[in-house]
Protein backbone atom coordinates (compact mmCIF):
# COMPACT_ATOMS: atom_id res chain seq x y z
CA MET A 1 22.37 22.59 -5.21
CA PHE A 2 19.08 22.22 -7.09
CA ASN A 3 18.87 25.65 -8.41
CA LYS A 4 22.60 25.23 -9.79
CA ILE A 5 21.23 22.26 -11.61
CA GLY A 6 18.36 24.16 -13.15
CA ARG A 7 20.47 26.98 -14.37
CA TRP A 8 22.99 24.55 -15.89
CA ILE A 9 20.01 22.99 -17.77
CA SER A 10 18.79 26.47 -18.91
CA LYS A 11 22.08 27.30 -20.35
CA LEU A 12 22.26 23.85 -22.11
CA PHE A 13 18.98 24.40 -23.82
CA GLY A 14 18.93 28.25 -23.89
CA THR A 15 15.43 27.88 -22.27
CA ALA A 16 13.49 25.19 -20.87
CA PRO A 17 13.00 22.13 -23.12
CA THR A 18 10.75 23.39 -25.86
CA THR A 19 9.32 19.94 -26.83
CA ALA A 20 7.24 19.41 -23.68
CA SER A 21 5.24 16.22 -23.99
CA ARG A 22 1.42 16.89 -24.84
CA TRP A 23 -1.16 14.68 -23.99
CA TRP A 24 -5.06 14.33 -24.06
CA GLY A 25 -6.50 16.28 -20.94
CA TRP A 26 -8.76 14.57 -18.77
CA VAL A 27 -12.50 14.34 -19.71
CA HIS A 28 -14.49 15.68 -16.80
CA GLU A 29 -17.86 14.98 -18.12
CA PRO A 30 -19.96 12.42 -16.09
CA PHE A 31 -21.67 11.48 -19.30
CA THR A 32 -21.69 12.69 -22.87
CA GLY A 33 -23.23 16.05 -23.53
CA ALA A 34 -23.36 16.72 -19.62
CA TRP A 35 -21.61 20.09 -20.09
CA GLN A 36 -24.47 21.29 -22.35
CA LYS A 37 -27.02 20.42 -19.63
CA GLU A 38 -24.86 22.09 -16.90
CA VAL A 39 -23.99 19.07 -15.12
CA ARG A 40 -20.53 19.15 -13.67
CA LEU A 41 -18.24 17.20 -11.25
CA ASP A 42 -17.40 18.59 -7.95
CA PRO A 43 -13.61 19.71 -7.80
CA GLN A 44 -11.23 17.77 -5.90
CA GLU A 45 -11.61 19.74 -2.61
CA SER A 46 -15.27 19.08 -2.57
CA LEU A 47 -14.84 15.45 -3.47
CA LEU A 48 -12.73 15.10 -0.34
CA ARG A 49 -15.63 16.29 1.63
CA ASN A 50 -17.27 12.88 0.78
CA SER A 51 -16.90 10.62 3.72
CA ALA A 52 -16.06 7.59 1.72
CA VAL A 53 -13.56 9.36 -0.58
CA TYR A 54 -11.79 10.70 2.64
CA ALA A 55 -11.70 7.27 4.39
CA CYS A 56 -10.47 5.45 1.30
CA VAL A 57 -7.61 7.85 0.74
CA THR A 58 -6.64 8.39 4.27
CA GLY A 59 -7.10 4.65 5.04
CA ILE A 60 -4.63 3.51 2.35
CA ALA A 61 -2.00 6.16 3.09
CA SER A 62 -1.88 5.64 6.84
CA ASP A 63 -1.91 1.80 6.51
CA ILE A 64 1.05 1.95 4.12
CA ALA A 65 2.85 4.89 6.15
CA LYS A 66 2.91 2.60 9.25
CA LEU A 67 4.95 -0.07 7.64
CA ARG A 68 8.65 0.27 8.57
CA ILE A 69 11.12 0.75 5.85
CA LYS A 70 13.87 -1.83 6.06
CA LEU A 71 17.20 -1.94 4.02
CA ASP A 72 17.98 -5.60 3.22
CA GLN A 73 21.16 -6.98 2.00
CA ASN A 74 21.26 -10.21 -0.27
CA GLU A 75 23.64 -12.83 1.36
CA SER A 76 23.94 -15.90 -0.71
CA GLY A 77 20.41 -15.53 -2.05
CA ILE A 78 18.96 -14.81 1.62
CA TRP A 79 17.72 -11.15 2.24
CA THR A 80 18.64 -9.96 5.66
CA GLU A 81 18.02 -6.61 7.25
CA VAL A 82 20.90 -4.29 7.59
CA THR A 83 20.77 -1.91 10.67
CA SER A 84 24.02 -0.11 10.44
CA GLY A 85 26.73 0.73 8.07
CA PRO A 86 25.17 1.63 4.70
CA PRO A 87 24.99 5.46 3.83
CA TRP A 88 21.53 5.26 2.77
CA LEU A 89 20.04 4.38 6.33
CA PRO A 90 19.77 7.78 7.67
CA VAL A 91 17.46 9.04 4.89
CA LEU A 92 15.24 6.05 5.22
CA ARG A 93 14.81 6.81 8.85
CA LYS A 94 14.57 10.39 8.34
CA PRO A 95 13.70 11.59 4.99
CA ASN A 96 13.90 15.37 5.59
CA GLY A 97 13.93 18.11 8.24
CA TYR A 98 10.25 18.61 8.63
CA GLN A 99 8.81 15.11 8.23
CA ASN A 100 9.48 11.65 9.86
CA ARG A 101 9.02 8.61 8.08
CA ILE A 102 5.44 7.94 8.35
CA GLN A 103 4.42 11.56 7.46
CA PHE A 104 6.71 11.32 4.48
CA ILE A 105 5.38 7.94 3.23
CA GLU A 106 1.76 9.30 3.91
CA GLN A 107 2.17 12.34 1.67
CA TRP A 108 3.77 10.35 -1.00
CA ILE A 109 0.76 7.89 -0.94
CA LEU A 110 -1.68 10.87 -0.71
CA SER A 111 -0.39 12.62 -3.65
CA LYS A 112 -0.29 9.37 -5.78
CA LEU A 113 -3.94 8.75 -4.80
CA LEU A 114 -5.41 12.32 -5.30
CA GLN A 115 -3.46 13.41 -8.22
CA GLY A 116 -2.15 10.29 -9.91
CA ASN A 117 1.58 11.28 -9.50
CA ALA A 118 4.01 11.51 -6.81
CA TYR A 119 7.40 13.75 -7.31
CA ILE A 120 10.15 13.38 -4.96
CA LEU A 121 12.93 15.68 -5.16
CA LYS A 122 16.37 14.17 -4.11
CA GLN A 123 18.91 16.07 -2.33
CA ARG A 124 22.69 14.90 -2.43
CA ASP A 125 25.53 15.15 -0.15
CA ASN A 126 29.44 15.89 -1.32
CA ARG A 127 29.67 12.28 -2.11
CA GLY A 128 26.74 11.96 -4.26
CA VAL A 129 24.82 9.93 -1.89
CA VAL A 130 20.92 11.06 -1.38
CA ASN A 131 20.64 12.37 2.23
CA ALA A 132 17.09 14.01 1.88
CA MET A 133 13.90 13.52 0.02
CA TYR A 134 11.03 15.96 -0.33
CA VAL A 135 7.43 15.27 -1.79
CA LEU A 136 6.58 17.83 -4.13
CA ASP A 137 3.12 19.44 -4.96
CA PRO A 138 2.17 17.49 -8.02
CA ARG A 139 0.20 20.56 -9.40
CA ARG A 140 3.45 22.35 -9.48
CA VAL A 141 5.59 20.06 -11.47
CA THR A 142 5.34 19.59 -15.19
CA PRO A 143 7.09 16.62 -17.06
CA LEU A 144 9.08 17.69 -20.05
CA VAL A 145 10.39 15.46 -22.86
CA THR A 146 12.99 16.59 -25.33
CA GLU A 147 13.20 15.62 -28.93
CA ASP A 148 15.83 13.13 -27.97
CA GLY A 149 13.49 11.40 -25.52
CA ASP A 150 15.26 12.74 -22.34
CA VAL A 151 12.88 13.44 -19.64
CA TYR A 152 13.10 16.63 -17.52
CA TYR A 153 10.64 18.05 -14.75
CA GLN A 154 9.83 21.74 -14.53
CA LEU A 155 9.52 22.64 -10.76
CA SER A 156 8.04 25.61 -9.24
CA GLY A 157 9.68 27.36 -6.20
CA ASP A 158 9.14 25.53 -2.89
CA PRO A 159 10.78 26.79 0.33
CA LEU A 160 10.15 23.47 2.11
CA SER A 161 11.98 21.56 -0.75
CA LYS A 162 14.71 24.20 -0.69
CA LEU A 163 13.92 25.44 -4.14
CA GLU A 164 14.41 29.12 -4.34
CA ASP A 165 12.73 29.60 -7.56
CA ALA A 166 11.48 27.65 -10.58
CA ILE A 167 14.02 25.18 -12.12
CA VAL A 168 14.10 22.34 -14.39
CA ALA A 169 15.43 19.24 -13.28
CA PRO A 170 16.76 16.16 -14.89
CA ALA A 171 14.88 12.83 -14.38
CA SER A 172 18.08 11.50 -12.30
CA GLU A 173 17.10 14.05 -9.48
CA ILE A 174 13.22 13.08 -9.33
CA ILE A 175 11.66 9.96 -8.15
CA HIS A 176 8.24 9.77 -10.06
CA ASP A 177 5.87 7.20 -8.85
CA ARG A 178 2.50 7.12 -10.51
CA MET A 179 -0.75 5.52 -10.94
CA PRO A 180 -1.83 3.49 -14.35
CA ALA A 181 -1.00 5.64 -17.09
CA PHE A 182 -3.94 5.48 -19.58
CA TRP A 183 -3.05 8.40 -22.00
CA HIS A 184 0.61 9.10 -21.59
CA PRO A 185 3.39 7.10 -19.89
CA LEU A 186 4.37 10.01 -17.55
CA VAL A 187 0.91 11.22 -16.59
CA GLY A 188 -0.76 8.73 -14.11
CA VAL A 189 -4.54 8.83 -13.51
CA PRO A 190 -5.91 8.76 -9.94
CA PRO A 191 -8.83 6.65 -8.77
CA LEU A 192 -10.75 9.77 -8.22
CA TYR A 193 -11.13 9.89 -12.02
CA ALA A 194 -13.20 6.70 -11.92
CA CYS A 195 -15.25 7.61 -8.91
CA ALA A 196 -16.00 11.43 -9.27
CA LEU A 197 -19.41 11.11 -10.38
CA SER A 198 -20.47 8.88 -7.51
CA ALA A 199 -18.72 11.13 -5.07
CA THR A 200 -20.44 14.35 -6.74
CA LEU A 201 -23.83 12.42 -6.76
CA SER A 202 -23.35 11.61 -2.94
CA ASN A 203 -22.46 15.18 -2.16
CA LYS A 204 -25.38 16.52 -3.83
CA ILE A 205 -27.68 13.93 -2.03
CA GLU A 206 -26.24 14.73 1.40
CA HIS A 207 -26.54 18.62 0.62
CA ALA A 208 -30.19 18.25 -0.42
CA SER A 209 -31.11 16.08 2.60
CA ALA A 210 -29.34 18.80 4.83
CA LEU A 211 -31.46 21.48 3.34
CA PHE A 212 -34.55 19.44 3.62
CA PHE A 213 -34.24 18.56 7.20
CA GLU A 214 -32.81 21.96 8.11
CA ASN A 215 -36.20 23.57 6.78
CA ARG A 216 -38.51 20.78 7.76
CA ALA A 217 -40.28 20.70 4.36
CA LEU A 218 -39.44 21.43 0.73
CA PRO A 219 -42.25 23.45 -0.82
CA GLY A 220 -41.66 22.73 -4.51
CA GLY A 221 -44.52 22.20 -6.91
CA ILE A 222 -47.13 23.98 -8.86
CA LEU A 223 -49.34 27.18 -8.02
CA THR A 224 -52.77 26.70 -9.64
CA SER A 225 -55.84 28.90 -10.18
CA PRO A 226 -59.51 28.00 -10.94
CA SER A 227 -59.60 30.97 -13.08
CA HIS A 228 -57.33 32.25 -16.02
CA ILE A 229 -53.92 33.89 -15.10
CA PRO A 230 -52.85 36.48 -17.39
CA ASP A 231 -49.02 35.83 -18.55
CA ASP A 232 -47.65 39.05 -16.86
CA THR A 233 -49.49 38.02 -13.58
CA ALA A 234 -48.16 34.55 -13.93
CA GLN A 235 -44.53 35.92 -14.57
CA ARG A 236 -45.02 38.30 -11.54
CA LEU A 237 -46.13 35.30 -9.44
CA LYS A 238 -43.26 33.00 -10.30
CA LYS A 239 -40.56 35.62 -9.70
CA ASP A 240 -42.00 36.53 -6.48
CA PHE A 241 -42.61 32.84 -5.43
CA GLU A 242 -38.88 32.11 -6.42
CA GLU A 243 -37.54 35.21 -4.48
CA LYS A 244 -39.63 34.40 -1.27
CA TYR A 245 -39.45 30.60 -1.25
CA GLY A 246 -36.14 29.59 -3.39
CA GLY A 247 -32.60 29.06 -2.51
CA GLU A 248 -31.92 29.63 1.16
CA ASN A 249 -35.57 30.66 1.69
CA ILE A 250 -36.77 26.90 1.16
CA GLY A 251 -39.19 25.89 3.81
CA ARG A 252 -40.90 29.06 4.52
CA LEU A 253 -44.57 29.27 4.87
CA ILE A 254 -46.44 30.11 1.65
CA VAL A 255 -49.52 32.16 2.03
CA ALA A 256 -51.46 31.61 -1.52
CA GLY A 257 -54.66 33.91 -1.83
CA ASP A 258 -57.09 34.74 -4.52
CA GLY A 259 -57.90 30.99 -4.91
CA LEU A 260 -54.49 30.01 -5.65
CA GLU A 261 -53.56 26.50 -4.62
CA PHE A 262 -49.95 25.08 -4.22
CA LYS A 263 -49.39 21.37 -5.13
CA PRO A 264 -46.09 20.19 -3.80
CA MET A 265 -44.18 17.78 -6.19
CA GLN A 266 -41.18 17.10 -4.01
CA MET A 267 -40.62 13.30 -3.73
CA THR A 268 -40.13 11.91 -0.32
CA ALA A 269 -37.03 10.23 0.93
CA ASP A 270 -38.64 6.86 0.54
CA ALA A 271 -39.60 7.59 -3.39
CA ALA A 272 -36.17 8.95 -4.10
CA GLN A 273 -34.56 5.99 -2.40
CA LEU A 274 -31.75 8.29 -1.11
CA ALA A 275 -30.31 5.49 1.38
CA GLU A 276 -29.87 3.25 -1.74
CA GLN A 277 -28.38 5.82 -3.81
CA LEU A 278 -25.87 6.71 -1.12
CA LYS A 279 -25.09 3.09 -0.58
CA LEU A 280 -24.49 2.49 -4.39
CA SER A 281 -22.08 5.66 -4.60
CA ARG A 282 -20.27 4.40 -1.42
CA GLU A 283 -19.74 0.94 -3.02
CA ASP A 284 -18.78 2.52 -6.38
CA ILE A 285 -16.06 4.70 -4.65
CA ALA A 286 -14.76 1.76 -2.69
CA VAL A 287 -14.39 -0.35 -5.90
CA ALA A 288 -12.39 2.70 -7.71
CA PHE A 289 -10.05 2.54 -4.89
CA HIS A 290 -9.98 -1.41 -4.44
CA TYR A 291 -10.74 -0.71 -0.67
CA PRO A 292 -12.61 -3.32 1.19
CA LEU A 293 -16.18 -2.27 1.52
CA PHE A 294 -16.49 -3.69 5.19
CA LYS A 295 -14.28 -0.88 6.15
CA LEU A 296 -16.72 1.66 4.92
CA GLY A 297 -19.40 0.08 6.73
CA GLY A 298 -20.43 -2.46 4.27
CA PRO A 299 -21.28 -6.27 4.81
CA LEU A 300 -18.49 -8.51 6.16
CA PRO A 301 -17.27 -11.08 3.82
CA PRO A 302 -17.90 -14.59 4.35
CA TYR A 303 -14.28 -15.22 5.80
CA ALA A 304 -14.78 -12.41 8.38
CA GLY A 305 -14.10 -14.77 11.32
CA ASN A 306 -10.41 -15.17 9.94
CA VAL A 307 -8.61 -11.78 10.64
CA GLU A 308 -5.60 -13.07 8.71
CA ALA A 309 -7.53 -13.74 5.63
CA LEU A 310 -9.04 -10.23 5.80
CA ILE A 311 -5.69 -8.74 5.95
CA ILE A 312 -4.34 -10.83 3.19
CA SER A 313 -7.23 -10.02 0.96
CA TYR A 314 -6.93 -6.26 1.72
CA TYR A 315 -3.31 -6.40 0.96
CA THR A 316 -3.27 -8.33 -2.31
CA ASP A 317 -6.38 -6.36 -3.72
CA CYS A 318 -5.43 -2.88 -2.52
CA LEU A 319 -2.07 -2.42 -0.83
CA GLN A 320 0.30 -4.80 -2.81
CA THR A 321 0.81 -2.80 -6.01
CA LEU A 322 1.28 0.67 -4.04
CA ILE A 323 3.96 -1.02 -1.84
CA GLU A 324 5.87 -2.84 -4.52
CA SER A 325 5.91 0.34 -6.54
CA LEU A 326 7.09 2.42 -3.74
CA GLU A 327 10.01 -0.23 -2.82
CA ILE A 328 11.23 -0.13 -6.31
CA CYS A 329 11.07 3.72 -6.71
CA LEU A 330 13.18 3.80 -3.51
CA ASP A 331 15.72 1.40 -4.97
CA GLU A 332 16.29 3.08 -8.14
CA GLY A 333 15.99 6.56 -6.63
CA LEU A 334 18.53 5.83 -4.02
CA SER A 335 20.75 4.25 -6.74
CA LEU A 336 21.08 1.07 -4.43
CA PRO A 337 23.69 -1.79 -5.46
CA ALA A 338 22.18 -4.99 -6.69
CA THR A 339 22.81 -6.56 -3.37
CA TYR A 340 20.72 -3.99 -1.36
CA GLY A 341 17.02 -3.29 -1.47
CA THR A 342 14.23 -1.49 0.45
CA GLU A 343 11.42 -3.52 1.87
CA LEU A 344 8.31 -2.40 3.96
CA ASP A 345 7.80 -4.60 7.05
CA LEU A 346 4.52 -6.23 6.48
CA ASP A 347 4.55 -7.76 9.99
CA ASN A 348 3.08 -4.35 11.04
CA LEU A 349 -0.24 -5.22 9.22
CA MET A 350 -0.49 -7.92 11.53
CA ARG A 351 0.74 -6.54 14.71
CA MET A 352 -2.60 -6.42 16.36
CA ASP A 353 -3.62 -10.14 15.44
CA THR A 354 -1.53 -11.70 18.21
CA ALA A 355 -3.32 -14.99 17.78
CA ALA A 356 -2.37 -15.42 14.28
CA LEU A 357 1.02 -14.26 14.86
CA TYR A 358 1.67 -16.77 17.55
CA ASP A 359 0.18 -19.52 15.80
CA SER A 360 2.14 -19.05 12.58
CA ASN A 361 5.43 -18.75 14.85
CA ASN A 362 4.38 -22.10 16.53
CA LYS A 363 3.93 -23.85 13.31
CA ALA A 364 7.15 -22.35 11.55
CA VAL A 365 9.23 -23.42 14.72
CA SER A 366 7.68 -26.73 15.03
CA GLY A 367 7.97 -27.37 11.50
CA GLY A 368 11.84 -26.93 11.72
CA TRP A 369 12.27 -24.08 9.20
CA MET A 370 12.41 -21.17 11.63
CA ALA A 371 14.57 -20.88 14.59
CA PRO A 372 13.16 -19.99 18.05
CA ASP A 373 14.88 -16.77 18.15
CA GLU A 374 13.54 -15.68 14.74
CA ALA A 375 10.06 -16.13 15.96
CA ARG A 376 10.71 -14.46 19.12
CA PHE A 377 11.95 -11.50 17.08
CA ARG A 378 8.70 -11.43 15.26
CA ALA A 379 6.95 -11.07 18.63
CA ASN A 380 9.42 -8.47 19.82
CA TYR A 381 11.27 -10.57 22.23
CA LYS A 382 15.12 -10.90 22.91
CA ALA A 383 16.91 -13.97 21.78
CA VAL A 384 17.70 -16.83 24.28
CA GLU A 385 20.55 -19.20 24.71
CA GLY A 386 20.11 -22.03 22.13
CA GLY A 387 17.36 -20.22 20.22
CA ASN A 388 19.39 -19.74 16.97
CA THR A 389 19.02 -23.19 15.55
CA PRO A 390 16.08 -24.71 14.04
CA TYR A 391 14.78 -27.90 16.06
CA LEU A 392 13.09 -30.97 15.02
CA GLN A 393 11.74 -34.04 17.12
CA GLN A 394 14.09 -36.97 17.37
CA GLN A 395 11.72 -39.55 15.92
CA ASN A 396 12.07 -37.61 12.45
CA TYR A 397 14.05 -39.51 9.96
CA SER A 398 15.53 -38.39 6.66
CA LEU A 399 14.01 -39.69 3.27
CA ALA A 400 17.25 -41.54 2.51
CA ALA A 401 16.96 -43.50 5.85
CA LEU A 402 13.36 -44.29 5.20
CA ALA A 403 14.06 -45.50 1.72
CA LYS A 404 16.78 -47.87 3.08
CA ARG A 405 14.20 -49.21 5.58
CA ASP A 406 11.69 -49.91 2.97
CA ALA A 407 14.10 -51.64 0.70
CA ARG A 408 14.09 -54.59 3.15
CA GLU A 409 11.88 -57.66 2.50
CA ASP A 410 9.82 -56.97 5.50
CA PRO A 411 10.23 -53.17 6.17
CA PHE A 412 7.91 -53.32 9.42
CA ALA A 413 10.24 -56.15 10.82
CA GLY A 414 12.70 -55.32 13.64
CA PRO A 415 16.40 -54.74 12.68
CA ARG A 416 18.26 -57.79 11.78
CA SER A 417 20.63 -58.97 14.26
CA ALA A 418 24.18 -60.09 13.25
CA PRO A 419 24.83 -63.91 13.21
CA PRO A 420 26.62 -65.27 16.24
CA SER A 421 30.42 -65.44 15.83
CA ALA A 422 32.02 -69.10 16.05
CA PRO A 423 33.59 -69.79 19.35
CA PRO A 424 37.26 -69.62 19.37
CA PRO A 425 39.21 -73.06 19.27
CA PRO A 426 40.25 -74.64 22.48
CA ALA A 427 43.33 -74.09 24.00
CA LYS A 428 46.15 -76.47 23.11
CA ALA A 429 48.27 -77.84 25.92
CA LEU A 430 51.89 -77.23 25.50
CA ASP A 431 54.64 -79.98 25.70
CA GLU A 432 58.00 -79.70 27.46
CA GLU A 433 59.80 -78.38 24.42
CA GLU A 434 57.22 -75.77 23.59
CA ALA A 435 57.08 -74.72 27.09
CA GLU A 436 60.90 -74.25 27.32
CA LEU A 437 60.74 -72.22 24.04
CA LEU A 438 58.21 -69.78 25.33
CA GLY A 439 60.13 -69.39 28.65
CA TYR A 440 63.33 -68.58 26.62
CA ALA A 441 61.52 -66.04 24.51
CA LEU A 442 59.73 -64.27 27.61
CA ALA A 443 63.09 -63.98 29.29
CA ARG A 444 64.79 -62.59 26.24
CA LYS A 445 62.07 -59.94 25.92
CA GLU A 446 62.71 -58.98 29.37
CA LEU A 447 66.45 -58.44 28.71
CA VAL A 448 65.91 -56.35 25.77
CA ALA A 449 63.26 -54.10 27.41
């Protein structure tokens, strides 16, 4: 199907859109003039060897991937989860043939954090409903813009994504989720751009430390002699010294004769303050990813005793924008009606904090705005008889009733009792004529009945 779309677009344009958008490339210099001094940043593969970068990327991706995707429906302003019926449920539960939901979302977020862009190719059934989604390699996707402003994506072949060869796909068949776009609205910039220098510094410090401790010493310094050394002899000694004691030979024993003296110049670990440098680089990496520093071994915040506060801070500072962006991309990519929407179940973030979960459930139920069955559902318990209605204690009164009470002269006095009714008038004695008439009436009533 995808290859047919690509061939159709090629016929429409003759070739791929020729007005591909151009943007300024990333500046890979750690500081101005660094390339003249041969100071280069590590490539992405090397940056991922840094433990702080790896922890930030995998920690964020796995935390979002463990959140279950729900399909909600708007019913009179209340969003409720739908578990059967709509045709989009299967693709949300199983995005494609080789990935489950967690693997799919994890690859989506990893692509976004490492490359700044996540491209998801949609596959449709005969009804036009999306029945599969594939996360593409962002390095094999090129956004294209026509002269009319239409957006297309040039895709390289990918057997896993059912792409036989390179095609050009319209924007309607691609879900494009991206990090903040600094230079072009179709090109997101990953957090690695901001922390690449710190990660490179950390890698170089760790590499130097590994060589230092592997060889037990680092003989770097000056060879001096009390007598004059001719230039040719100095060059020979320098070349011989570098070949024997440089590179992988660092740490070998030096034998300096003829009055030569070696003066080491390597700073000690204390002098270089390697631990402080590593700490600063780790903090800078965490700042770039908005990742909590305590998750990387840093100090705990003052509210560390409150697990719920830690999770909420982590969510608002780091995860929320990624989660919200993923939800709206799914809504638009699946072409959901206005009454439907996807939502990631945030309760999974609190799954291990049972104390906070039960405390919030107790307060919600006792407050009367959550039914017991709704609280039991959050704790993975079945519904019970009579648990589908919110409850309040009997002594609670409405505001209208309290207003009527306060309108009395003495609001705290007991309820006013009704005045006693007048006693009925005493019975009147009947004379003979009245008694005769009464008896005649009673007799006539019996005859009629």
